[in-house]
Amino acid sequence: MSKKVRNKNKSWHYGLVSYLIAGYVYFVGFLTRFIYVKNKESEILDDNKQVIYAFWHNQQSFLLFPYRKRGKISVLVSMSSDGEYIARSLPKFKMKATRGSSSKGGFSALRGLIEDAKKGYNIALTPDGPRGPIYIATPGIIYLASKTKLPIIPGAVDCSHKFHVNSWDKFQVPLPFGKCAIVYEKPLYVTPEKDINELCNILTERLNAATQKATELCRKGK
């Protein structure tokens, strides 16, 4: 089989799976009760101000459905084959995929995200992706915030009905008929005089605090 035919078959496969992913997410989303909790300062989201959304890598599948109506969002997606499924699924939720990661295409991806921010897009990325270490924020998101001048909104999401995939991040997949808690912590503002490592630590702490709150909310009333 020629390389051209193999690529065509892969494209067909990615396209089909992306529709299956979108269909499943919409199915679960319509059968899920969502709870939103915001830190007082994160109420800037109510003003439709441009921001950078930060969530841990294993929580991203929960966000497609509720974020489909949040305006223009550009999402950083890895260059891997798994990333291809996500990239093709995003437009079905009115989101844009920008390809790249810390391990491949990182600088071009950051440039793409900066250009998207100039065009009015909100940015969404997972600061511990695509390969970990899990639950530790890396400097890429800090660099992006410094260049775009946008605040980082640390968020977390958990679902009462879910299962875990056997992957490095214990990727979580929501199940129907449950409740989903989305929690936002205090925004992180990046300025030149602040230390990058300190900012990464602060972001890590806020993301973990938001995750703990989301988990507690999902456990209540179970």
Protein backbone atom coordinates (compact mmCIF):
# COMPACT_ATOMS: atom_id res chain seq x y z
CA MET A 1 0.00 0.00 0.00
CA SER A 2 1.37 3.41 -0.93
CA LYS A 3 2.10 6.12 1.64
CA LYS A 4 -0.60 8.30 0.07
CA VAL A 5 -3.25 5.59 0.52
CA ARG A 6 -2.15 4.90 4.10
CA ASN A 7 -2.48 8.59 4.98
CA LYS A 8 -5.92 8.70 3.37
CA ASN A 9 -7.05 5.71 5.44
CA LYS A 10 -5.71 7.33 8.61
CA SER A 11 -7.53 10.55 7.79
CA TRP A 12 -10.80 8.63 7.34
CA HIS A 13 -10.22 6.83 10.64
CA TYR A 14 -9.48 10.05 12.57
CA GLY A 15 -12.55 11.70 11.07
CA LEU A 16 -14.87 8.85 12.04
CA VAL A 17 -13.53 8.59 15.58
CA SER A 18 -13.79 12.36 16.09
CA TYR A 19 -17.52 12.17 15.28
CA LEU A 20 -17.93 9.27 17.70
CA ILE A 21 -16.12 11.25 20.41
CA ALA A 22 -18.28 14.31 19.81
CA GLY A 23 -21.47 12.25 19.82
CA TYR A 24 -20.55 10.59 23.10
CA VAL A 25 -19.60 13.89 24.76
CA TYR A 26 -22.88 15.52 23.71
CA PHE A 27 -24.81 12.46 24.92
CA VAL A 28 -23.14 12.56 28.34
CA GLY A 29 -23.30 16.36 28.54
CA PHE A 30 -27.05 16.54 28.09
CA LEU A 31 -27.48 13.91 30.82
CA THR A 32 -25.17 15.59 33.33
CA ARG A 33 -25.92 18.23 35.96
CA PHE A 34 -23.25 20.95 36.00
CA ILE A 35 -22.23 22.94 39.08
CA TYR A 36 -20.05 26.07 38.74
CA VAL A 37 -18.01 27.54 41.61
CA LYS A 38 -15.95 30.70 41.20
CA ASN A 39 -13.44 32.49 43.36
CA LYS A 40 -14.60 36.10 43.81
CA GLU A 41 -11.74 37.38 41.64
CA SER A 42 -12.47 34.83 38.90
CA GLU A 43 -15.76 36.57 38.26
CA ILE A 44 -13.96 38.37 35.42
CA LEU A 45 -15.28 35.39 33.42
CA ASP A 46 -18.76 36.90 33.75
CA ASP A 47 -17.53 40.03 31.99
CA ASN A 48 -16.47 38.03 28.92
CA LYS A 49 -12.90 39.22 29.34
CA GLN A 50 -10.19 37.41 27.40
CA VAL A 51 -8.31 34.83 29.52
CA ILE A 52 -6.10 31.77 29.49
CA TYR A 53 -7.88 28.70 30.89
CA ALA A 54 -5.66 26.19 32.70
CA PHE A 55 -6.77 22.66 33.63
CA TRP A 56 -4.92 19.45 34.35
CA HIS A 57 -4.43 17.14 31.39
CA ASN A 58 -6.60 14.28 32.64
CA GLN A 59 -9.65 16.55 33.09
CA GLN A 60 -9.94 17.92 29.56
CA SER A 61 -12.66 15.55 28.30
CA PHE A 62 -15.11 17.06 30.83
CA LEU A 63 -14.73 20.54 29.35
CA LEU A 64 -15.78 20.10 25.73
CA PHE A 65 -19.52 20.21 26.35
CA PRO A 66 -19.79 23.10 28.86
CA TYR A 67 -17.22 25.22 26.99
CA ARG A 68 -18.92 25.01 23.61
CA LYS A 69 -20.73 28.29 24.34
CA ARG A 70 -17.89 30.26 25.89
CA GLY A 71 -16.96 32.18 22.77
CA LYS A 72 -13.79 31.86 20.73
CA ILE A 73 -11.36 29.37 22.29
CA SER A 74 -8.06 28.16 20.89
CA VAL A 75 -6.89 24.92 22.50
CA LEU A 76 -3.30 23.66 22.55
CA VAL A 77 -3.28 20.07 21.29
CA SER A 78 -0.25 17.78 21.04
CA MET A 79 1.17 16.58 17.73
CA SER A 80 0.60 12.92 18.69
CA SER A 81 -1.87 10.58 17.03
CA ASP A 82 -4.08 10.83 20.12
CA GLY A 83 -3.93 14.59 19.73
CA GLU A 84 -5.25 14.23 16.19
CA TYR A 85 -8.52 12.81 17.53
CA ILE A 86 -8.90 15.77 19.87
CA ALA A 87 -7.94 18.29 17.18
CA ARG A 88 -10.63 16.96 14.86
CA SER A 89 -13.22 16.86 17.64
CA LEU A 90 -12.76 20.48 18.77
CA PRO A 91 -14.48 22.20 15.82
CA LYS A 92 -17.62 20.22 16.66
CA PHE A 93 -17.68 22.22 19.90
CA LYS A 94 -16.90 25.54 18.18
CA MET A 95 -13.27 25.48 19.29
CA LYS A 96 -10.01 25.80 17.39
CA ALA A 97 -7.03 23.45 17.71
CA THR A 98 -3.47 24.79 17.75
CA ARG A 99 -1.01 21.93 17.38
CA GLY A 100 2.20 21.55 19.35
CA SER A 101 3.60 20.62 22.76
CA SER A 102 6.62 20.97 25.00
CA SER A 103 8.18 17.94 23.30
CA LYS A 104 7.35 18.75 19.67
CA GLY A 105 6.44 21.96 17.89
CA GLY A 106 6.41 23.91 21.14
CA PHE A 107 7.70 27.26 19.92
CA SER A 108 5.54 27.32 16.79
CA ALA A 109 2.52 26.40 18.91
CA LEU A 110 3.20 29.24 21.33
CA ARG A 111 3.51 31.65 18.43
CA GLY A 112 0.21 30.37 17.09
CA LEU A 113 -1.48 30.85 20.46
CA ILE A 114 -0.09 34.38 20.76
CA GLU A 115 -1.50 35.20 17.31
CA ASP A 116 -4.85 33.70 18.29
CA ALA A 117 -4.89 35.86 21.42
CA LYS A 118 -4.33 38.94 19.25
CA LYS A 119 -7.38 37.89 17.23
CA GLY A 120 -9.54 37.81 20.35
CA TYR A 121 -9.42 34.11 21.19
CA ASN A 122 -9.41 32.82 24.72
CA ILE A 123 -6.64 30.24 25.17
CA ALA A 124 -6.97 26.85 26.84
CA LEU A 125 -4.15 24.47 27.69
CA THR A 126 -3.07 21.83 30.16
CA PRO A 127 0.14 22.92 31.92
CA ASP A 128 1.13 19.34 32.82
CA GLY A 129 0.64 17.96 29.30
CA PRO A 130 1.27 16.18 27.10
CA ARG A 131 3.62 13.83 28.98
CA GLY A 132 3.70 15.06 32.56
CA PRO A 133 4.80 14.98 35.26
CA ILE A 134 1.20 14.84 36.35
CA TYR A 135 -0.21 17.74 38.41
CA ILE A 136 2.86 19.96 38.02
CA ALA A 137 2.63 23.17 36.00
CA THR A 138 5.45 23.79 33.52
CA PRO A 139 6.74 27.22 32.37
CA GLY A 140 5.14 27.28 28.91
CA ILE A 141 1.85 28.71 30.15
CA ILE A 142 3.70 31.36 32.16
CA TYR A 143 5.62 32.45 29.06
CA LEU A 144 2.36 32.60 27.11
CA ALA A 145 0.69 34.75 29.77
CA SER A 146 3.66 37.13 29.83
CA LYS A 147 3.49 37.60 26.05
CA THR A 148 -0.29 37.95 25.76
CA LYS A 149 -0.80 39.93 29.00
CA LEU A 150 -3.82 37.71 29.72
CA PRO A 151 -4.65 36.40 33.21
CA ILE A 152 -4.46 32.67 33.80
CA ILE A 153 -7.67 31.21 35.25
CA PRO A 154 -6.79 28.03 37.21
CA GLY A 155 -9.71 25.66 36.96
CA ALA A 156 -10.62 22.10 37.73
CA VAL A 157 -13.43 19.77 36.89
CA ASP A 158 -14.61 16.47 38.30
CA CYS A 159 -17.55 14.21 37.60
CA SER A 160 -19.36 11.89 39.99
CA HIS A 161 -19.73 9.24 37.27
CA LYS A 162 -16.50 8.48 35.40
CA PHE A 163 -13.81 5.93 34.68
CA HIS A 164 -10.03 6.18 34.40
CA VAL A 165 -7.96 5.21 31.36
CA ASN A 166 -4.70 3.34 31.94
CA SER A 167 -2.41 6.20 30.89
CA TRP A 168 0.35 8.31 32.49
CA ASP A 169 -2.20 10.92 33.65
CA LYS A 170 -5.00 8.48 34.57
CA PHE A 171 -7.16 10.19 31.96
CA GLN A 172 -10.76 10.58 33.11
CA VAL A 173 -13.79 9.89 30.94
CA PRO A 174 -17.24 11.07 32.13
CA LEU A 175 -20.25 8.77 32.29
CA PRO A 176 -23.91 9.86 31.98
CA PHE A 177 -26.46 10.55 34.75
CA GLY A 178 -24.01 12.17 37.16
CA LYS A 179 -23.06 15.65 38.25
CA CYS A 180 -20.04 17.63 37.11
CA ALA A 181 -18.39 20.34 39.23
CA ILE A 182 -16.34 23.07 37.56
CA VAL A 183 -14.30 25.17 39.99
CA TYR A 184 -12.30 28.33 39.27
CA GLU A 185 -9.58 29.58 41.59
CA LYS A 186 -8.03 33.03 41.93
CA PRO A 187 -6.58 34.31 38.60
CA LEU A 188 -2.82 34.39 38.19
CA TYR A 189 -1.37 37.58 36.72
CA VAL A 190 2.11 37.31 35.21
CA THR A 191 4.42 40.32 35.28
CA PRO A 192 8.11 40.52 34.27
CA GLU A 193 9.43 40.97 37.80
CA LYS A 194 7.91 37.71 39.08
CA ASP A 195 9.98 34.52 39.22
CA ILE A 196 8.86 31.86 36.71
CA ASN A 197 9.43 28.92 39.05
CA GLU A 198 7.48 30.62 41.81
CA LEU A 199 4.62 31.32 39.41
CA CYS A 200 4.60 27.65 38.33
CA ASN A 201 4.38 26.62 41.98
CA ILE A 202 1.52 29.04 42.63
CA LEU A 203 -0.37 27.80 39.57
CA THR A 204 0.18 24.18 40.64
CA GLU A 205 -1.19 24.95 44.11
CA ARG A 206 -4.27 26.71 42.75
CA LEU A 207 -5.03 23.98 40.24
CA ASN A 208 -4.72 21.31 42.92
CA ALA A 209 -6.90 23.34 45.31
CA ALA A 210 -9.55 23.69 42.60
CA THR A 211 -9.35 19.95 41.88
CA GLN A 212 -9.87 19.11 45.56
CA LYS A 213 -12.93 21.39 45.73
CA ALA A 214 -14.41 19.88 42.56
CA THR A 215 -13.92 16.36 43.91
CA GLU A 216 -15.54 17.26 47.23
CA LEU A 217 -18.55 18.78 45.45
CA CYS A 218 -19.01 15.63 43.38
CA ARG A 219 -18.86 13.40 46.46
CA LYS A 220 -21.61 15.31 48.24
CA GLY A 221 -24.96 13.63 47.99
CA LYS A 222 -23.61 10.52 46.27
